Protein backbone atom coordinates (compact mmCIF):
# COMPACT_ATOMS: atom_id res chain seq x y z
CA MET A 1 0.30 -0.03 0.28
CA THR A 2 1.34 3.58 -1.20
CA SER A 3 0.78 6.53 1.20
CA GLU A 4 0.26 9.84 -0.39
CA VAL A 5 2.59 12.56 1.13
CA SER A 6 1.11 16.26 1.07
CA ALA A 7 2.59 19.59 1.60
CA GLU A 8 -0.82 20.91 2.84
CA MET A 9 -0.16 19.41 6.41
CA ALA A 10 -0.65 22.47 8.68
CA PRO A 11 -2.00 21.41 12.01
CA ALA A 12 -5.69 21.05 13.02
CA VAL A 13 -6.08 21.94 16.27
CA THR A 14 -3.89 24.17 18.84
CA GLN A 15 -0.47 22.46 20.17
CA VAL A 16 2.75 24.80 20.06
CA TRP A 17 5.67 22.82 18.77
CA ARG A 18 8.94 23.62 17.62
CA VAL A 19 11.99 21.82 15.80
CA GLY A 20 15.67 22.22 16.99
CA ALA A 21 18.93 21.00 15.45
CA ILE A 22 22.40 21.21 14.86
CA MET A 23 23.96 20.74 11.57
CA ASN A 24 26.50 21.17 8.87
CA GLU A 25 24.79 19.92 5.58
CA PRO A 26 24.85 21.16 2.04
CA LEU A 27 22.13 24.15 1.48
CA LYS A 28 20.03 21.85 -0.61
CA GLU A 29 19.52 19.35 2.28
CA VAL A 30 19.20 22.32 5.01
CA LEU A 31 16.52 24.01 2.84
CA LYS A 32 14.60 20.62 2.49
CA PHE A 33 14.76 20.28 6.01
CA CYS A 34 13.06 23.29 6.61
CA ALA A 35 10.76 23.08 4.03
CA TRP A 36 9.38 20.28 5.51
CA TYR A 37 8.99 20.91 9.05
CA LEU A 38 7.31 24.50 8.01
CA ALA A 39 4.96 22.56 5.88
CA LEU A 40 3.99 20.27 9.14
CA GLY A 41 3.11 23.62 10.80
CA ALA A 42 5.97 23.95 12.94
CA ASP A 43 5.68 27.38 14.92
CA GLU A 44 9.71 27.94 14.86
CA LEU A 45 12.49 25.98 13.41
CA THR A 46 15.68 26.67 15.62
CA ILE A 47 19.17 26.17 14.35
CA CYS A 48 22.18 25.61 15.52
CA PHE A 49 24.78 25.78 13.03
CA ASP A 50 28.19 24.38 13.40
CA ASN A 51 30.21 26.00 10.75
CA PRO A 52 29.31 29.97 12.16
CA ASP A 53 29.54 30.88 8.16
CA ASP A 54 27.15 28.76 7.01
CA PRO A 55 26.00 29.91 3.52
CA ALA A 56 22.32 28.71 4.85
CA ILE A 57 22.50 31.75 7.64
CA GLU A 58 22.19 34.11 5.00
CA VAL A 59 18.80 32.31 2.95
CA LEU A 60 17.17 31.71 6.25
CA SER A 61 17.84 34.41 8.65
CA GLU A 62 15.06 36.59 7.37
CA HIS A 63 12.63 33.83 7.47
CA PRO A 64 9.71 34.74 10.08
CA ARG A 65 9.97 31.04 11.15
CA VAL A 66 13.86 30.20 11.46
CA ARG A 67 15.81 30.99 14.30
CA CYS A 68 19.48 30.84 12.90
CA ILE A 69 22.64 30.26 15.46
CA PRO A 70 25.82 30.45 14.41
CA CYS A 71 27.86 28.03 16.76
CA THR A 72 30.85 30.85 16.94
CA PRO A 73 33.77 30.03 19.40
CA ALA A 74 31.48 32.48 21.92
CA PHE A 75 28.28 30.27 21.37
CA TRP A 76 30.42 26.83 22.82
CA GLN A 77 32.25 28.68 25.58
CA SER A 78 29.02 29.93 26.98
CA LEU A 79 27.95 26.44 27.24
CA GLY A 80 31.17 25.08 28.65
CA LEU A 81 32.46 23.88 25.65
CA THR A 82 34.89 24.29 22.18
CA ALA A 83 34.50 23.70 18.76
CA GLU A 84 36.93 21.20 19.30
CA SER A 85 34.62 18.71 21.50
CA ALA A 86 33.08 16.19 20.58
CA PHE A 87 30.51 16.06 18.45
CA VAL A 88 27.80 14.63 20.24
CA LYS A 89 28.64 16.36 23.45
CA ARG A 90 28.20 19.54 21.46
CA GLN A 91 24.99 17.76 19.67
CA ASN A 92 23.46 17.28 23.36
CA ALA A 93 24.71 20.60 24.70
CA ALA A 94 23.53 22.51 22.10
CA LEU A 95 19.88 21.07 21.81
CA THR A 96 19.50 21.46 25.54
CA TRP A 97 20.29 25.15 25.32
CA ILE A 98 17.57 25.28 22.72
CA TYR A 99 15.09 23.53 24.89
CA GLY A 100 15.70 26.27 27.14
CA GLN A 101 14.96 28.71 25.28
CA TYR A 102 10.97 27.87 25.39
CA PRO A 103 9.11 27.83 28.53
CA ASP A 104 5.95 25.98 26.84
CA GLY A 105 5.02 23.58 24.19
CA TRP A 106 6.89 21.10 22.35
CA LEU A 107 10.33 20.61 20.83
CA LEU A 108 11.51 18.06 18.75
CA ASN A 109 14.97 17.56 18.40
CA VAL A 110 15.88 15.83 14.94
CA ASP A 111 18.84 15.98 12.24
CA ALA A 112 19.14 17.60 8.99
CA ASP A 113 18.24 13.66 7.24
CA GLU A 114 15.14 12.94 9.53
CA PHE A 115 12.03 14.45 8.46
CA MET A 116 8.38 13.29 10.95
CA TYR A 117 5.45 11.97 9.05
CA PHE A 118 2.46 10.75 10.35
CA GLU A 119 -0.66 9.27 8.02
CA GLY A 120 -3.81 11.15 8.04
CA ARG A 121 -2.93 13.05 11.00
CA GLY A 122 -0.93 16.72 11.72
CA VAL A 123 1.88 16.98 14.43
CA ALA A 124 -0.52 19.21 16.42
CA ASP A 125 -3.30 16.30 16.39
CA VAL A 126 -0.71 13.53 17.33
CA LEU A 127 0.27 15.97 20.16
CA GLN A 128 -3.27 16.56 21.40
CA GLN A 129 -3.95 13.33 21.04
CA GLU A 130 -0.64 11.70 22.56
CA GLY A 131 0.41 13.64 24.54
CA GLY A 132 -2.06 13.67 27.72
CA GLN A 133 0.21 14.31 30.76
CA ALA A 134 3.40 12.56 28.97
CA LEU A 135 6.97 14.19 29.55
CA SER A 136 8.19 12.74 25.91
CA ILE A 137 6.47 11.18 22.46
CA ARG A 138 8.94 9.28 20.67
CA VAL A 139 8.41 8.33 17.05
CA ILE A 140 10.48 5.06 15.70
CA THR A 141 12.29 5.37 13.07
CA ALA A 142 11.54 3.85 9.30
CA GLU A 143 15.17 3.84 7.05
CA ARG A 144 15.03 5.13 3.36
CA VAL A 145 16.46 2.71 1.02
CA ILE A 146 17.18 2.62 -2.90
CA ALA A 147 14.17 1.22 -4.71
CA PRO A 148 14.71 -1.30 -7.83
CA GLU A 149 14.09 -0.19 -11.21
CA GLY A 150 10.63 0.55 -12.24
CA VAL A 151 9.21 1.10 -8.43
CA GLY A 152 7.58 4.77 -8.51
CA GLU A 153 7.90 5.21 -4.76
CA THR A 154 10.10 5.96 -1.91
CA LEU A 155 10.58 3.15 -0.18
CA PHE A 156 11.64 2.42 3.90
CA ARG A 157 12.14 -0.27 5.63
CA ARG A 158 11.09 -0.52 9.17
CA PRO A 159 12.41 -1.98 12.01
CA MET A 160 12.40 -5.99 11.87
CA ALA A 161 12.80 -8.99 13.79
CA TYR A 162 16.17 -11.10 14.01
CA ASP A 163 14.66 -14.06 11.35
CA VAL A 164 13.66 -11.53 9.10
CA ARG A 165 16.78 -9.41 8.67
CA LYS A 166 18.77 -12.84 8.54
CA SER A 167 16.24 -14.11 6.05
CA VAL A 168 16.20 -10.73 3.86
CA TYR A 169 19.85 -9.86 4.35
CA GLY A 170 21.61 -13.62 4.49
CA THR A 171 25.58 -13.19 5.58
CA ASP A 172 24.99 -9.59 5.35
CA ALA A 173 22.71 -9.46 7.95
CA LYS A 174 25.61 -8.92 10.83
CA LEU A 175 26.40 -5.78 9.24
CA PHE A 176 23.19 -4.20 10.59
CA GLY A 177 23.96 -5.40 14.34
CA PRO A 178 22.14 -7.51 16.85
CA LYS A 179 20.63 -3.88 18.28
CA ARG A 180 19.51 -2.07 15.26
CA SER A 181 16.60 -4.40 14.35
CA GLY A 182 17.52 -4.47 10.81
CA LEU A 183 18.03 -0.78 10.36
CA VAL A 184 21.98 0.91 9.77
CA GLY A 185 21.33 3.72 11.53
CA HIS A 186 19.37 3.99 14.86
CA PRO A 187 15.82 2.23 15.24
CA GLN A 188 15.06 3.94 18.29
CA GLY A 189 13.65 6.63 16.52
CA LYS A 190 13.47 10.68 17.95
CA SER A 191 11.32 12.54 20.88
CA PHE A 192 8.70 15.37 20.54
CA VAL A 193 9.81 16.45 24.63
CA ARG A 194 7.10 18.64 26.83
CA CYS A 195 9.00 22.35 26.93
CA GLY A 196 9.17 24.26 30.32
CA VAL A 197 10.67 20.82 32.87
CA ALA A 198 13.74 22.44 34.79
CA GLY A 199 16.88 21.04 34.86
CA LEU A 200 15.98 18.29 31.74
CA GLN A 201 18.59 17.48 29.55
CA LEU A 202 18.42 16.19 25.82
CA ARG A 203 20.10 13.45 24.26
CA GLN A 204 19.91 12.03 20.70
CA HIS A 205 16.48 10.11 21.10
CA TRP A 206 15.31 10.79 24.47
CA PRO A 207 15.01 13.44 27.42
CA ARG A 208 17.31 12.98 30.64
CA ALA A 209 17.18 14.26 33.98
CA GLY A 210 21.08 13.95 35.52
CA SER A 211 21.97 10.64 34.67
CA VAL A 212 18.35 9.09 34.51
CA GLU A 213 15.82 8.47 31.58
CA ALA A 214 13.39 11.33 32.36
CA GLY A 215 9.73 11.06 32.80
CA GLU A 216 6.47 9.18 31.11
CA GLU A 217 7.33 8.32 27.38
CA VAL A 218 4.57 7.64 25.21
CA LEU A 219 5.88 5.46 22.18
CA LEU A 220 4.57 5.16 18.61
CA ASP A 221 5.41 3.26 15.58
CA HIS A 222 4.16 2.13 12.19
CA ARG A 223 1.26 0.67 13.65
CA ASP A 224 -0.20 4.15 15.02
CA GLY A 225 0.50 5.75 11.65
CA ALA A 226 3.82 6.85 12.75
CA HIS A 227 7.50 7.07 11.43
CA LEU A 228 10.40 8.97 11.47
CA LEU A 229 11.86 8.93 7.92
CA HIS A 230 15.68 8.55 8.28
CA MET A 231 17.30 9.56 5.02
CA ILE A 232 20.37 7.83 5.64
CA GLY A 233 20.72 5.99 2.72
CA ALA A 234 18.73 8.35 0.19
CA ASP A 235 22.18 9.25 -1.66
CA PHE A 236 25.55 7.55 -2.10
CA GLU A 237 27.63 10.31 -2.31
CA ILE A 238 26.19 12.00 1.13
CA TRP A 239 26.62 8.52 2.78
CA ARG A 240 30.26 8.48 1.31
CA ASN A 241 30.72 11.99 3.00
CA LYS A 242 30.08 11.37 6.09
CA LEU A 243 31.73 7.74 6.58
CA ALA A 244 34.44 9.04 8.31
CA TRP A 245 32.60 10.84 10.93
CA ARG A 246 30.00 8.37 11.43
CA CYS A 247 33.04 5.56 11.92
CA GLY A 248 34.79 7.71 14.41
CA SER A 249 31.69 8.37 16.62
CA ARG A 250 30.26 4.70 16.52
CA GLY A 251 27.87 5.37 13.79
CA PHE A 252 28.24 2.23 12.50
CA THR A 253 27.93 -1.39 14.42
CA ASP A 254 31.51 -2.90 14.93
CA PRO A 255 31.12 -5.08 11.94
CA LEU A 256 30.32 -2.35 9.34
CA THR A 257 32.87 -0.15 10.87
CA GLU A 258 35.62 -2.48 9.87
CA ARG A 259 33.78 -3.21 6.73
CA ILE A 260 33.87 0.19 5.97
CA GLU A 261 37.49 1.09 7.13
CA ALA A 262 38.68 -1.87 5.01
CA ALA A 263 37.22 -0.80 1.71
CA LEU A 264 38.71 2.39 2.38
CA ALA A 265 42.21 0.84 2.77
CA SER A 266 41.57 -1.24 -0.66
CA SER A 267 43.15 -0.33 -3.83
CA GLN A 268 39.59 -0.48 -5.19
CA ARG A 269 38.51 1.59 -2.59
CA GLU A 270 35.72 3.61 -4.61
CA THR A 271 34.31 0.62 -6.27
CA GLU A 272 34.27 -1.65 -2.92
CA LEU A 273 32.35 1.21 -1.44
CA ARG A 274 29.60 1.66 -3.93
CA ASP A 275 28.97 -2.16 -3.75
CA LEU A 276 28.54 -2.02 0.10
CA PHE A 277 26.10 1.07 -0.35
CA SER A 278 24.14 -1.10 -2.48
CA ARG A 279 24.05 -4.17 -0.60
CA LEU A 280 23.17 -1.97 3.20
CA HIS A 281 20.86 0.56 1.30
CA ALA A 282 19.56 -0.75 -2.04
CA LEU A 283 16.55 -3.43 -2.28
CA ARG A 284 15.97 -6.03 -4.94
CA PRO A 285 12.76 -6.90 -5.84
CA ASP A 286 12.47 -10.19 -3.85
CA GLN A 287 13.61 -8.18 -0.75
CA VAL A 288 10.96 -5.53 -1.65
CA ALA A 289 8.67 -8.41 -1.50
CA HIS A 290 9.95 -10.00 1.24
CA LEU A 291 9.84 -7.14 3.43
CA GLU A 292 5.92 -6.61 2.39
CA ARG A 293 5.17 -9.70 3.59
CA GLU A 294 6.31 -8.90 7.00
CA ASP A 295 4.62 -5.28 7.07
CA ALA A 296 8.21 -4.29 7.35
CA LEU A 297 8.36 -2.04 4.67
CA LEU A 298 6.54 1.55 3.71
CA ARG A 299 5.93 3.05 0.64
CA LEU A 300 5.37 6.94 -0.12
CA LYS A 301 5.14 9.29 -2.97
CA TRP A 302 6.77 12.68 -1.94
CA ASP A 303 9.02 15.10 -3.59
CA LEU A 304 11.20 17.31 -1.46
CA THR A 305 12.74 19.14 -3.95
CA ALA A 306 9.70 20.33 -5.15
CA LEU A 307 8.33 21.66 -1.72
CA MET A 308 11.54 23.13 -1.01
CA GLN A 309 11.51 24.50 -4.35
CA ARG A 310 7.66 26.07 -3.17
CA GLU A 311 9.03 27.09 -0.04
CA PHE A 312 11.85 29.31 -1.20
CA GLY A 313 11.65 29.57 -4.52
CA ILE A 314 14.97 28.69 -5.39
CA VAL A 315 15.85 26.64 -8.40
CA LEU A 316 17.43 23.90 -7.67
CA GLU A 317 20.28 23.58 -10.69
CA ARG A 318 21.60 27.23 -9.23
CA ILE A 319 22.29 25.39 -5.65
CA ASP A 320 26.06 24.83 -6.47
CA THR A 321 26.53 22.64 -3.24
CA PRO A 322 26.95 18.95 -3.69
CA GLY A 323 23.91 16.58 -2.40
């Protein structure tokens, strides 16, 4: 079954929610991200730009619902860090700082390649219907995969049981790791967090209070029509450019990191990397059918580029940045 993604996704009820992110991405990817969440009805997007001279700042600085924060040395110093501090540490500190800017409503913290999607409901409706007294609402990941030739939809795989991923990926299943549920990236998803809670610290997937998980959590997945669409496998060049960073920050499982490092050291480096990317992120027709039988595949019709161009009036061919 294919779902149609509409760009007319403004909320039907009043629930204030914002998006927070720290990013250092090609301009086109930043604009796609912003266009998506503006169309979803976010009241504000606060983006901390890891590169304080990011060209996206000039493009977005006058937008009434986008707040651009250049991560200058002075910004990091105000958080007790430096620009050389580990990225995850800086990311968590920046997200916690963003959270502290808002006394009420909700904050969704996501990366530049993550797109929240609810079937048949706006975000504000979900917050109204599911939030109750919960501190956070976490939405499980669906991971972008490359469709076989002739398939017109955009495909995403959902987390799957061990026997399913073993039958779909065979000997390559070990690359996905025992705790990632058949995904290359994280299966945990990302969270909407209720604002105004003193002392709360944001982490990549959920909030924490001190050293423990914080408060009641509502968990949503595809059975609720809820998906965090992770575009980790959408484009080889973007994937290739992030390999060193992901390997160094435990973004992959140990077996996959070892396989990537071996490919990088090979005399046939680019050929081996393209082959590995295809095995990890592209599907054969039989794999598509298998995942569908196991309710582990999502089909969507969407066009992020068209959405970006409508929102910002930018012609894609004039954006020279790769990606």
